[in-house]
Amino acid sequence: MVYKIIEILFPVFVIVLIGIIYSKRVKIDIDSINKINLDIFIPFLVFYSIATQLPHISHLGYFSLGAVIVVFGSGVLLYPFVKLMKIDINSFLPAMMFNNSINLGLPLALLSFGQEAMALFIALSLVQVIGQFTVAEMMYGGKIDLKAMLKNPVIIATIFGLFFNYFNISFPKTINISLELLSQIAIPLILFALGVRLSTVKFENIKIGILGAILCPLSGLIMAFLAIYIFNYSELQQKLLILFGLLPTAVLNAILAEKYKKDSAMVASIVAIGNLFTIIYLPIALYFLL
């Protein structure tokens, strides 16, 4: 079991570490790399996974409700605490709700449970992605850019993937290989970009950073168990939902906080410390999930 956990986490941490080390030595335009990945490789990954790896699209809609409970339930659960502690709600709460499901969740789902699990995990990630372009944008900046969301390549890829899955459209071998190769680029590039982004985050506001790093996975785990109690999920779906709930704060929160002139230093600390804490608790979590 210990070897299996190392087998899963070692590639993840190594690629992230390579991104951190390389970015310290070479100046990298990470925004361009992220744009290429979000515009091309991740959409191909999403499309290929939904169209060819997911047994049936009914799994997506039903499973996505669990993610809704985890994401928005975490906000509801922590709201009284944040209010009591007199922490800026519009800076702190989105960081608790929207986790690193794309950058960290997808690779972990793939390495831990395989291709079908990653396709299922996309159902959870989509809730988080849509939420960040709507609810998070509104919390940070007071507005929602629906036009930008509808133009999002990941959303478009999801729609096409659902169409191909529903009508059971198969691809010729040459196209299938091309789609597979394009989709395989996404995961390593996601992890590398995460390392580069984390290398630029400064450790300020340590106390509140640690608080947020603890509360984000804790509230997500509580809400994941609530969703599991409500819905009759399969064993694999339960494990994926728990993994989803345990993920740290998404890097995008720090970017949005800076964009809308919120307390970006606090959010950046939560991101940095939260992702650092995964080295401690993810091996423990995987021990019980595998």
C-alpha atoms as a PDB file:
ATOM      1  CA  MET A   1       0.000   0.000   0.000  1.00  0.00           C
ATOM      2  CA  VAL A   2       2.810   2.406   0.907  1.00  0.00           C
ATOM      3  CA  TYR A   3       4.517   1.662  -2.419  1.00  0.00           C
ATOM      4  CA  LYS A   4       1.251   2.340  -4.264  1.00  0.00           C
ATOM      5  CA  ILE A   5       0.893   5.737  -2.567  1.00  0.00           C
ATOM      6  CA  ILE A   6       4.482   6.634  -3.452  1.00  0.00           C
ATOM      7  CA  GLU A   7       3.836   5.451  -7.005  1.00  0.00           C
ATOM      8  CA  ILE A   8       0.888   7.860  -7.246  1.00  0.00           C
ATOM      9  CA  LEU A   9       2.279  10.931  -5.485  1.00  0.00           C
ATOM     10  CA  PHE A  10       5.908  10.774  -6.583  1.00  0.00           C
ATOM     11  CA  PRO A  11       5.287  11.764 -10.253  1.00  0.00           C
ATOM     12  CA  VAL A  12       2.935  14.551  -9.114  1.00  0.00           C
ATOM     13  CA  PHE A  13       5.364  16.135  -6.669  1.00  0.00           C
ATOM     14  CA  VAL A  14       8.375  15.614  -8.951  1.00  0.00           C
ATOM     15  CA  ILE A  15       6.784  17.451 -11.884  1.00  0.00           C
ATOM     16  CA  VAL A  16       5.577  20.268  -9.609  1.00  0.00           C
ATOM     17  CA  LEU A  17       9.080  20.495  -8.092  1.00  0.00           C
ATOM     18  CA  ILE A  18      10.646  20.637 -11.570  1.00  0.00           C
ATOM     19  CA  GLY A  19       8.337  23.558 -12.372  1.00  0.00           C
ATOM     20  CA  ILE A  20       9.379  25.349  -9.169  1.00  0.00           C
ATOM     21  CA  ILE A  21      13.119  24.792  -9.707  1.00  0.00           C
ATOM     22  CA  TYR A  22      13.074  25.628 -13.412  1.00  0.00           C
ATOM     23  CA  SER A  23      11.119  28.844 -12.885  1.00  0.00           C
ATOM     24  CA  LYS A  24      13.677  29.951 -10.289  1.00  0.00           C
ATOM     25  CA  ARG A  25      16.441  29.617 -12.880  1.00  0.00           C
ATOM     26  CA  VAL A  26      14.671  30.715 -16.052  1.00  0.00           C
ATOM     27  CA  LYS A  27      12.119  33.470 -16.519  1.00  0.00           C
ATOM     28  CA  ILE A  28       8.944  31.818 -17.801  1.00  0.00           C
ATOM     29  CA  ASP A  29       5.821  33.382 -19.272  1.00  0.00           C
ATOM     30  CA  ILE A  30       3.518  31.047 -17.342  1.00  0.00           C
ATOM     31  CA  ASP A  31       0.393  32.931 -18.459  1.00  0.00           C
ATOM     32  CA  SER A  32       1.085  31.951 -22.088  1.00  0.00           C
ATOM     33  CA  ILE A  33       1.724  28.322 -21.093  1.00  0.00           C
ATOM     34  CA  ASN A  34      -1.506  28.227 -19.069  1.00  0.00           C
ATOM     35  CA  LYS A  35      -3.444  29.799 -21.930  1.00  0.00           C
ATOM     36  CA  ILE A  36      -2.183  27.173 -24.395  1.00  0.00           C
ATOM     37  CA  ASN A  37      -3.055  24.402 -21.960  1.00  0.00           C
ATOM     38  CA  LEU A  38      -6.511  25.823 -21.158  1.00  0.00           C
ATOM     39  CA  ASP A  39      -7.277  26.610 -24.806  1.00  0.00           C
ATOM     40  CA  ILE A  40      -5.984  23.396 -26.405  1.00  0.00           C
ATOM     41  CA  PHE A  41      -4.718  20.485 -24.329  1.00  0.00           C
ATOM     42  CA  ILE A  42      -7.144  20.517 -21.367  1.00  0.00           C
ATOM     43  CA  PRO A  43     -10.184  20.857 -23.689  1.00  0.00           C
ATOM     44  CA  PHE A  44      -8.900  17.870 -25.699  1.00  0.00           C
ATOM     45  CA  LEU A  45      -8.440  15.967 -22.432  1.00  0.00           C
ATOM     46  CA  VAL A  46     -11.976  16.803 -21.339  1.00  0.00           C
ATOM     47  CA  PHE A  47     -13.487  15.977 -24.728  1.00  0.00           C
ATOM     48  CA  TYR A  48     -11.573  12.700 -25.123  1.00  0.00           C
ATOM     49  CA  SER A  49     -12.340  11.573 -21.568  1.00  0.00           C
ATOM     50  CA  ILE A  50     -16.074  12.291 -21.752  1.00  0.00           C
ATOM     51  CA  ALA A  51     -16.529  11.048 -25.326  1.00  0.00           C
ATOM     52  CA  THR A  52     -14.554   7.807 -25.041  1.00  0.00           C
ATOM     53  CA  GLN A  53     -13.773   6.976 -21.382  1.00  0.00           C
ATOM     54  CA  LEU A  54     -17.032   7.747 -19.590  1.00  0.00           C
ATOM     55  CA  PRO A  55     -19.540   4.849 -19.607  1.00  0.00           C
ATOM     56  CA  HIS A  56     -22.597   7.144 -19.909  1.00  0.00           C
ATOM     57  CA  ILE A  57     -23.271  10.862 -19.575  1.00  0.00           C
ATOM     58  CA  SER A  58     -25.913  10.215 -16.892  1.00  0.00           C
ATOM     59  CA  HIS A  59     -22.966   9.675 -14.532  1.00  0.00           C
ATOM     60  CA  LEU A  60     -21.902  13.298 -15.007  1.00  0.00           C
ATOM     61  CA  GLY A  61     -25.105  15.100 -14.077  1.00  0.00           C
ATOM     62  CA  TYR A  62     -25.871  12.898 -11.084  1.00  0.00           C
ATOM     63  CA  PHE A  63     -22.314  13.036  -9.801  1.00  0.00           C
ATOM     64  CA  SER A  64     -22.003  16.802 -10.302  1.00  0.00           C
ATOM     65  CA  LEU A  65     -24.585  17.386  -7.577  1.00  0.00           C
ATOM     66  CA  GLY A  66     -22.053  16.072  -5.081  1.00  0.00           C
ATOM     67  CA  ALA A  67     -19.565  18.705  -6.209  1.00  0.00           C
ATOM     68  CA  VAL A  68     -22.224  21.418  -5.843  1.00  0.00           C
ATOM     69  CA  ILE A  69     -22.688  20.387  -2.219  1.00  0.00           C
ATOM     70  CA  VAL A  70     -18.926  20.337  -1.581  1.00  0.00           C
ATOM     71  CA  VAL A  71     -18.210  23.698  -3.228  1.00  0.00           C
ATOM     72  CA  PHE A  72     -21.161  25.767  -2.042  1.00  0.00           C
ATOM     73  CA  GLY A  73     -21.722  23.827   1.165  1.00  0.00           C
ATOM     74  CA  SER A  74     -18.177  24.720   2.236  1.00  0.00           C
ATOM     75  CA  GLY A  75     -19.039  28.384   1.824  1.00  0.00           C
ATOM     76  CA  VAL A  76     -22.244  28.068   3.846  1.00  0.00           C
ATOM     77  CA  LEU A  77     -20.491  26.035   6.552  1.00  0.00           C
ATOM     78  CA  LEU A  78     -17.631  28.511   7.003  1.00  0.00           C
ATOM     79  CA  TYR A  79     -19.591  31.750   6.570  1.00  0.00           C
ATOM     80  CA  PRO A  80     -20.514  32.157  10.282  1.00  0.00           C
ATOM     81  CA  PHE A  81     -16.911  31.460  11.318  1.00  0.00           C
ATOM     82  CA  VAL A  82     -15.472  33.967   8.829  1.00  0.00           C
ATOM     83  CA  LYS A  83     -18.051  36.552   9.952  1.00  0.00           C
ATOM     84  CA  LEU A  84     -17.214  35.921  13.616  1.00  0.00           C
ATOM     85  CA  MET A  85     -13.464  36.217  13.003  1.00  0.00           C
ATOM     86  CA  LYS A  86     -14.045  39.467  11.058  1.00  0.00           C
ATOM     87  CA  ILE A  87     -12.086  38.193   8.049  1.00  0.00           C
ATOM     88  CA  ASP A  88     -12.803  39.737   4.647  1.00  0.00           C
ATOM     89  CA  ILE A  89     -15.515  37.411   3.330  1.00  0.00           C
ATOM     90  CA  ASN A  90     -15.039  38.282  -0.346  1.00  0.00           C
ATOM     91  CA  SER A  91     -11.334  37.429  -0.139  1.00  0.00           C
ATOM     92  CA  PHE A  92     -11.319  34.438   2.207  1.00  0.00           C
ATOM     93  CA  LEU A  93     -14.523  32.533   1.416  1.00  0.00           C
ATOM     94  CA  PRO A  94     -13.955  31.930  -2.337  1.00  0.00           C
ATOM     95  CA  ALA A  95     -10.545  30.465  -1.463  1.00  0.00           C
ATOM     96  CA  MET A  96     -12.336  27.956   0.788  1.00  0.00           C
ATOM     97  CA  MET A  97     -14.910  27.036  -1.838  1.00  0.00           C
ATOM     98  CA  PHE A  98     -12.950  26.705  -5.080  1.00  0.00           C
ATOM     99  CA  ASN A  99     -10.204  24.099  -4.962  1.00  0.00           C
ATOM    100  CA  ASN A 100      -7.351  22.859  -7.107  1.00  0.00           C
ATOM    101  CA  SER A 101      -9.412  20.250  -8.940  1.00  0.00           C
ATOM    102  CA  ILE A 102      -7.880  20.878 -12.371  1.00  0.00           C
ATOM    103  CA  ASN A 103      -4.226  21.340 -11.447  1.00  0.00           C
ATOM    104  CA  LEU A 104      -4.046  18.662  -8.766  1.00  0.00           C
ATOM    105  CA  GLY A 105      -7.316  16.728  -8.746  1.00  0.00           C
ATOM    106  CA  LEU A 106      -7.270  15.422 -12.319  1.00  0.00           C
ATOM    107  CA  PRO A 107      -3.700  14.038 -12.108  1.00  0.00           C
ATOM    108  CA  LEU A 108      -4.440  12.395  -8.746  1.00  0.00           C
ATOM    109  CA  ALA A 109      -7.686  10.851 -10.019  1.00  0.00           C
ATOM    110  CA  LEU A 110      -5.893   9.465 -13.074  1.00  0.00           C
ATOM    111  CA  LEU A 111      -2.886   8.073 -11.204  1.00  0.00           C
ATOM    112  CA  SER A 112      -4.949   6.716  -8.307  1.00  0.00           C
ATOM    113  CA  PHE A 113      -7.963   5.190 -10.040  1.00  0.00           C
ATOM    114  CA  GLY A 114      -7.415   5.211 -13.819  1.00  0.00           C
ATOM    115  CA  GLN A 115      -8.924   6.738 -16.970  1.00  0.00           C
ATOM    116  CA  GLU A 116     -12.592   6.126 -16.149  1.00  0.00           C
ATOM    117  CA  ALA A 117     -12.133   7.738 -12.732  1.00  0.00           C
ATOM    118  CA  MET A 118     -10.563  10.799 -14.316  1.00  0.00           C
ATOM    119  CA  ALA A 119     -13.520  11.065 -16.697  1.00  0.00           C
ATOM    120  CA  LEU A 120     -15.846  10.959 -13.686  1.00  0.00           C
ATOM    121  CA  PHE A 121     -13.712  13.492 -11.852  1.00  0.00           C
ATOM    122  CA  ILE A 122     -14.258  15.923 -14.711  1.00  0.00           C
ATOM    123  CA  ALA A 123     -17.907  16.089 -13.580  1.00  0.00           C
ATOM    124  CA  LEU A 124     -16.682  17.461 -10.260  1.00  0.00           C
ATOM    125  CA  SER A 125     -14.090  19.778 -11.816  1.00  0.00           C
ATOM    126  CA  LEU A 126     -16.644  21.358 -14.140  1.00  0.00           C
ATOM    127  CA  VAL A 127     -18.718  22.538 -11.172  1.00  0.00           C
ATOM    128  CA  GLN A 128     -15.608  24.144  -9.740  1.00  0.00           C
ATOM    129  CA  VAL A 129     -14.604  25.723 -13.093  1.00  0.00           C
ATOM    130  CA  ILE A 130     -18.078  27.122 -13.818  1.00  0.00           C
ATOM    131  CA  GLY A 131     -18.320  28.341 -10.224  1.00  0.00           C
ATOM    132  CA  GLN A 132     -15.035  30.220 -10.480  1.00  0.00           C
ATOM    133  CA  PHE A 133     -16.129  32.018 -13.652  1.00  0.00           C
ATOM    134  CA  THR A 134     -19.478  32.988 -12.080  1.00  0.00           C
ATOM    135  CA  VAL A 135     -19.766  32.951  -8.280  1.00  0.00           C
ATOM    136  CA  ALA A 136     -16.052  33.528  -7.550  1.00  0.00           C
ATOM    137  CA  GLU A 137     -15.847  36.340 -10.107  1.00  0.00           C
ATOM    138  CA  MET A 138     -18.901  37.954  -8.488  1.00  0.00           C
ATOM    139  CA  MET A 139     -17.478  37.563  -4.952  1.00  0.00           C
ATOM    140  CA  TYR A 140     -14.096  39.006  -5.903  1.00  0.00           C
ATOM    141  CA  GLY A 141     -15.198  41.623  -8.412  1.00  0.00           C
ATOM    142  CA  GLY A 142     -18.953  42.071  -8.056  1.00  0.00           C
ATOM    143  CA  LYS A 143     -19.775  40.952 -11.603  1.00  0.00           C
ATOM    144  CA  ILE A 144     -20.192  37.838 -13.746  1.00  0.00           C
ATOM    145  CA  ASP A 145     -18.797  37.552 -17.261  1.00  0.00           C
ATOM    146  CA  LEU A 146     -21.199  34.971 -18.738  1.00  0.00           C
ATOM    147  CA  LYS A 147     -19.986  35.698 -22.264  1.00  0.00           C
ATOM    148  CA  ALA A 148     -16.430  34.732 -21.327  1.00  0.00           C
ATOM    149  CA  MET A 149     -17.681  31.563 -19.616  1.00  0.00           C
ATOM    150  CA  LEU A 150     -19.638  30.445 -22.695  1.00  0.00           C
ATOM    151  CA  LYS A 151     -16.523  31.025 -24.821  1.00  0.00           C
ATOM    152  CA  ASN A 152     -14.407  28.950 -22.442  1.00  0.00           C
ATOM    153  CA  PRO A 153     -12.822  26.081 -24.455  1.00  0.00           C
ATOM    154  CA  VAL A 154     -13.262  23.677 -21.524  1.00  0.00           C
ATOM    155  CA  ILE A 155     -17.016  24.319 -21.468  1.00  0.00           C
ATOM    156  CA  ILE A 156     -17.221  23.948 -25.262  1.00  0.00           C
ATOM    157  CA  ALA A 157     -15.211  20.707 -25.133  1.00  0.00           C
ATOM    158  CA  THR A 158     -17.590  19.393 -22.461  1.00  0.00           C
ATOM    159  CA  ILE A 159     -20.637  20.064 -24.642  1.00  0.00           C
ATOM    160  CA  PHE A 160     -19.078  18.296 -27.636  1.00  0.00           C
ATOM    161  CA  GLY A 161     -17.907  15.433 -25.423  1.00  0.00           C
ATOM    162  CA  LEU A 162     -21.430  14.933 -24.078  1.00  0.00           C
ATOM    163  CA  PHE A 163     -22.818  14.965 -27.629  1.00  0.00           C
ATOM    164  CA  PHE A 164     -20.373  12.310 -28.856  1.00  0.00           C
ATOM    165  CA  ASN A 165     -20.920  10.207 -25.741  1.00  0.00           C
ATOM    166  CA  TYR A 166     -24.718  10.358 -25.929  1.00  0.00           C
ATOM    167  CA  PHE A 167     -24.811   9.298 -29.584  1.00  0.00           C
ATOM    168  CA  ASN A 168     -22.022   6.768 -29.021  1.00  0.00           C
ATOM    169  CA  ILE A 169     -19.941   8.186 -31.881  1.00  0.00           C
ATOM    170  CA  SER A 170     -16.643   6.377 -32.295  1.00  0.00           C
ATOM    171  CA  PHE A 171     -13.486   7.607 -33.995  1.00  0.00           C
ATOM    172  CA  PRO A 172     -11.190   6.002 -36.571  1.00  0.00           C
ATOM    173  CA  LYS A 173      -7.972   4.666 -35.058  1.00  0.00           C
ATOM    174  CA  THR A 174      -5.817   7.503 -36.457  1.00  0.00           C
ATOM    175  CA  ILE A 175      -8.077  10.200 -34.978  1.00  0.00           C
ATOM    176  CA  ASN A 176      -8.336   8.301 -31.698  1.00  0.00           C
ATOM    177  CA  ILE A 177      -4.528   8.170 -31.388  1.00  0.00           C
ATOM    178  CA  SER A 178      -4.278  11.895 -32.178  1.00  0.00           C
ATOM    179  CA  LEU A 179      -6.883  12.754 -29.528  1.00  0.00           C
ATOM    180  CA  GLU A 180      -5.155  10.547 -26.980  1.00  0.00           C
ATOM    181  CA  LEU A 181      -1.745  12.129 -27.630  1.00  0.00           C
ATOM    182  CA  LEU A 182      -3.156  15.652 -27.371  1.00  0.00           C
ATOM    183  CA  SER A 183      -4.956  14.831 -24.132  1.00  0.00           C
ATOM    184  CA  GLN A 184      -1.834  13.250 -22.616  1.00  0.00           C
ATOM    185  CA  ILE A 185       0.031  16.561 -22.852  1.00  0.00           C
ATOM    186  CA  ALA A 186      -2.401  18.272 -20.475  1.00  0.00           C
ATOM    187  CA  ILE A 187      -1.634  16.488 -17.188  1.00  0.00           C
ATOM    188  CA  PRO A 188       2.191  16.966 -17.099  1.00  0.00           C
ATOM    189  CA  LEU A 189       1.796  20.554 -18.292  1.00  0.00           C
ATOM    190  CA  ILE A 190      -0.832  21.217 -15.603  1.00  0.00           C
ATOM    191  CA  LEU A 191       1.542  20.016 -12.880  1.00  0.00           C
ATOM    192  CA  PHE A 192       4.534  21.874 -14.316  1.00  0.00           C
ATOM    193  CA  ALA A 193       2.507  25.102 -14.505  1.00  0.00           C
ATOM    194  CA  LEU A 194       1.333  24.575 -10.922  1.00  0.00           C
ATOM    195  CA  GLY A 195       4.986  24.400  -9.824  1.00  0.00           C
ATOM    196  CA  VAL A 196       5.842  27.568 -11.732  1.00  0.00           C
ATOM    197  CA  ARG A 197       2.857  29.408 -10.264  1.00  0.00           C
ATOM    198  CA  LEU A 198       3.623  28.268  -6.703  1.00  0.00           C
ATOM    199  CA  SER A 199       7.216  29.493  -7.073  1.00  0.00           C
ATOM    200  CA  THR A 200       5.923  33.048  -7.433  1.00  0.00           C
ATOM    201  CA  VAL A 201       3.624  32.951  -4.404  1.00  0.00           C
ATOM    202  CA  LYS A 202       4.938  34.719  -1.318  1.00  0.00           C
ATOM    203  CA  PHE A 203       4.458  33.348   2.188  1.00  0.00           C
ATOM    204  CA  GLU A 204       2.830  36.293   3.941  1.00  0.00           C
ATOM    205  CA  ASN A 205       0.062  36.320   6.561  1.00  0.00           C
ATOM    206  CA  ILE A 206       1.301  32.954   7.814  1.00  0.00           C
ATOM    207  CA  LYS A 207      -1.317  32.504  10.563  1.00  0.00           C
ATOM    208  CA  ILE A 208      -4.340  33.086   8.364  1.00  0.00           C
ATOM    209  CA  GLY A 209      -2.619  31.140   5.596  1.00  0.00           C
ATOM    210  CA  ILE A 210      -2.360  28.105   7.879  1.00  0.00           C
ATOM    211  CA  LEU A 211      -5.964  28.621   9.031  1.00  0.00           C
ATOM    212  CA  GLY A 212      -7.204  28.663   5.446  1.00  0.00           C
ATOM    213  CA  ALA A 213      -5.000  25.708   4.501  1.00  0.00           C
ATOM    214  CA  ILE A 214      -6.697  23.670   7.239  1.00  0.00           C
ATOM    215  CA  LEU A 215     -10.275  24.887   6.783  1.00  0.00           C
ATOM    216  CA  CYS A 216     -10.404  24.401   2.994  1.00  0.00           C
ATOM    217  CA  PRO A 217      -9.884  20.599   2.942  1.00  0.00           C
ATOM    218  CA  LEU A 218     -11.670  20.130   6.283  1.00  0.00           C
ATOM    219  CA  SER A 219     -14.885  21.849   5.142  1.00  0.00           C
ATOM    220  CA  GLY A 220     -14.653  20.068   1.786  1.00  0.00           C
ATOM    221  CA  LEU A 221     -14.331  16.693   3.503  1.00  0.00           C
ATOM    222  CA  ILE A 222     -17.348  17.374   5.744  1.00  0.00           C
ATOM    223  CA  MET A 223     -19.471  18.357   2.743  1.00  0.00           C
ATOM    224  CA  ALA A 224     -18.235  15.343   0.763  1.00  0.00           C
ATOM    225  CA  PHE A 225     -19.463  13.004   3.496  1.00  0.00           C
ATOM    226  CA  LEU A 226     -22.780  14.863   3.543  1.00  0.00           C
ATOM    227  CA  ALA A 227     -23.165  14.380  -0.226  1.00  0.00           C
ATOM    228  CA  ILE A 228     -22.276  10.691   0.117  1.00  0.00           C
ATOM    229  CA  TYR A 229     -24.925  10.364   2.856  1.00  0.00           C
ATOM    230  CA  ILE A 230     -27.571  11.994   0.638  1.00  0.00           C
ATOM    231  CA  PHE A 231     -26.810  10.233  -2.655  1.00  0.00           C
ATOM    232  CA  ASN A 232     -26.396   6.571  -3.475  1.00  0.00           C
ATOM    233  CA  TYR A 233     -22.949   6.851  -5.061  1.00  0.00           C
ATOM    234  CA  SER A 234     -20.807   3.910  -6.083  1.00  0.00           C
ATOM    235  CA  GLU A 235     -17.653   3.124  -4.117  1.00  0.00           C
ATOM    236  CA  LEU A 236     -15.478   4.765  -6.780  1.00  0.00           C
ATOM    237  CA  GLN A 237     -17.656   7.883  -6.851  1.00  0.00           C
ATOM    238  CA  GLN A 238     -17.457   8.144  -3.067  1.00  0.00           C
ATOM    239  CA  LYS A 239     -13.661   7.965  -3.150  1.00  0.00           C
ATOM    240  CA  LEU A 240     -13.424  10.582  -5.897  1.00  0.00           C
ATOM    241  CA  LEU A 241     -15.777  12.922  -4.041  1.00  0.00           C
ATOM    242  CA  ILE A 242     -13.695  12.617  -0.863  1.00  0.00           C
ATOM    243  CA  LEU A 243     -10.545  13.307  -2.886  1.00  0.00           C
ATOM    244  CA  PHE A 244     -12.265  16.333  -4.440  1.00  0.00           C
ATOM    245  CA  GLY A 245     -13.253  17.653  -1.022  1.00  0.00           C
ATOM    246  CA  LEU A 246      -9.709  17.310   0.326  1.00  0.00           C
ATOM    247  CA  LEU A 247      -8.028  19.376  -2.389  1.00  0.00           C
ATOM    248  CA  PRO A 248      -6.341  22.660  -1.435  1.00  0.00           C
ATOM    249  CA  THR A 249      -7.227  26.142  -2.644  1.00  0.00           C
ATOM    250  CA  ALA A 250      -6.996  26.771  -6.392  1.00  0.00           C
ATOM    251  CA  VAL A 251      -4.160  28.990  -7.619  1.00  0.00           C
ATOM    252  CA  LEU A 252      -6.717  30.950  -9.656  1.00  0.00           C
ATOM    253  CA  ASN A 253      -8.090  32.418  -6.420  1.00  0.00           C
ATOM    254  CA  ALA A 254      -4.853  34.355  -5.877  1.00  0.00           C
ATOM    255  CA  ILE A 255      -4.974  35.604  -9.477  1.00  0.00           C
ATOM    256  CA  LEU A 256      -8.601  36.764  -9.134  1.00  0.00           C
ATOM    257  CA  ALA A 257      -7.945  38.405  -5.764  1.00  0.00           C
ATOM    258  CA  GLU A 258      -5.082  40.372  -7.310  1.00  0.00           C
ATOM    259  CA  LYS A 259      -7.130  41.235 -10.395  1.00  0.00           C
ATOM    260  CA  TYR A 260      -9.984  42.704  -8.343  1.00  0.00           C
ATOM    261  CA  LYS A 261      -7.769  44.380  -5.701  1.00  0.00           C
ATOM    262  CA  LYS A 262      -8.849  42.140  -2.829  1.00  0.00           C
ATOM    263  CA  ASP A 263      -6.517  40.875  -0.092  1.00  0.00           C
ATOM    264  CA  SER A 264      -4.325  39.015  -2.591  1.00  0.00           C
ATOM    265  CA  ALA A 265      -1.455  38.541  -0.109  1.00  0.00           C
ATOM    266  CA  MET A 266      -3.755  36.620   2.242  1.00  0.00           C
ATOM    267  CA  VAL A 267      -5.196  34.481  -0.561  1.00  0.00           C
ATOM    268  CA  ALA A 268      -1.728  33.800  -1.968  1.00  0.00           C
ATOM    269  CA  SER A 269      -0.585  32.583   1.458  1.00  0.00           C
ATOM    270  CA  ILE A 270      -3.574  30.234   1.688  1.00  0.00           C
ATOM    271  CA  VAL A 271      -2.745  28.893  -1.778  1.00  0.00           C
ATOM    272  CA  ALA A 272       0.953  28.382  -1.021  1.00  0.00           C
ATOM    273  CA  ILE A 273       0.537  26.856   2.446  1.00  0.00           C
ATOM    274  CA  GLY A 274      -2.503  24.814   1.418  1.00  0.00           C
ATOM    275  CA  ASN A 275      -0.706  23.181  -1.483  1.00  0.00           C
ATOM    276  CA  LEU A 276       2.360  22.630   0.726  1.00  0.00           C
ATOM    277  CA  PHE A 277       0.206  20.883   3.337  1.00  0.00           C
ATOM    278  CA  THR A 278      -0.874  18.295   0.748  1.00  0.00           C
ATOM    279  CA  ILE A 279       2.542  16.685   1.175  1.00  0.00           C
ATOM    280  CA  ILE A 280       1.415  15.780   4.710  1.00  0.00           C
ATOM    281  CA  TYR A 281      -2.233  14.821   4.405  1.00  0.00           C
ATOM    282  CA  LEU A 282      -2.634  13.452   0.861  1.00  0.00           C
ATOM    283  CA  PRO A 283      -0.548  10.302   1.557  1.00  0.00           C
ATOM    284  CA  ILE A 284      -2.744   9.663   4.644  1.00  0.00           C
ATOM    285  CA  ALA A 285      -5.918  10.235   2.627  1.00  0.00           C
ATOM    286  CA  LEU A 286      -4.803   7.942  -0.183  1.00  0.00           C
ATOM    287  CA  TYR A 287      -3.935   5.227   2.363  1.00  0.00           C
ATOM    288  CA  PHE A 288      -7.625   5.041   3.317  1.00  0.00           C
ATOM    289  CA  LEU A 289      -9.012   5.617  -0.197  1.00  0.00           C
ATOM    290  CA  LEU A 290      -7.021   2.988  -2.097  1.00  0.00           C
END
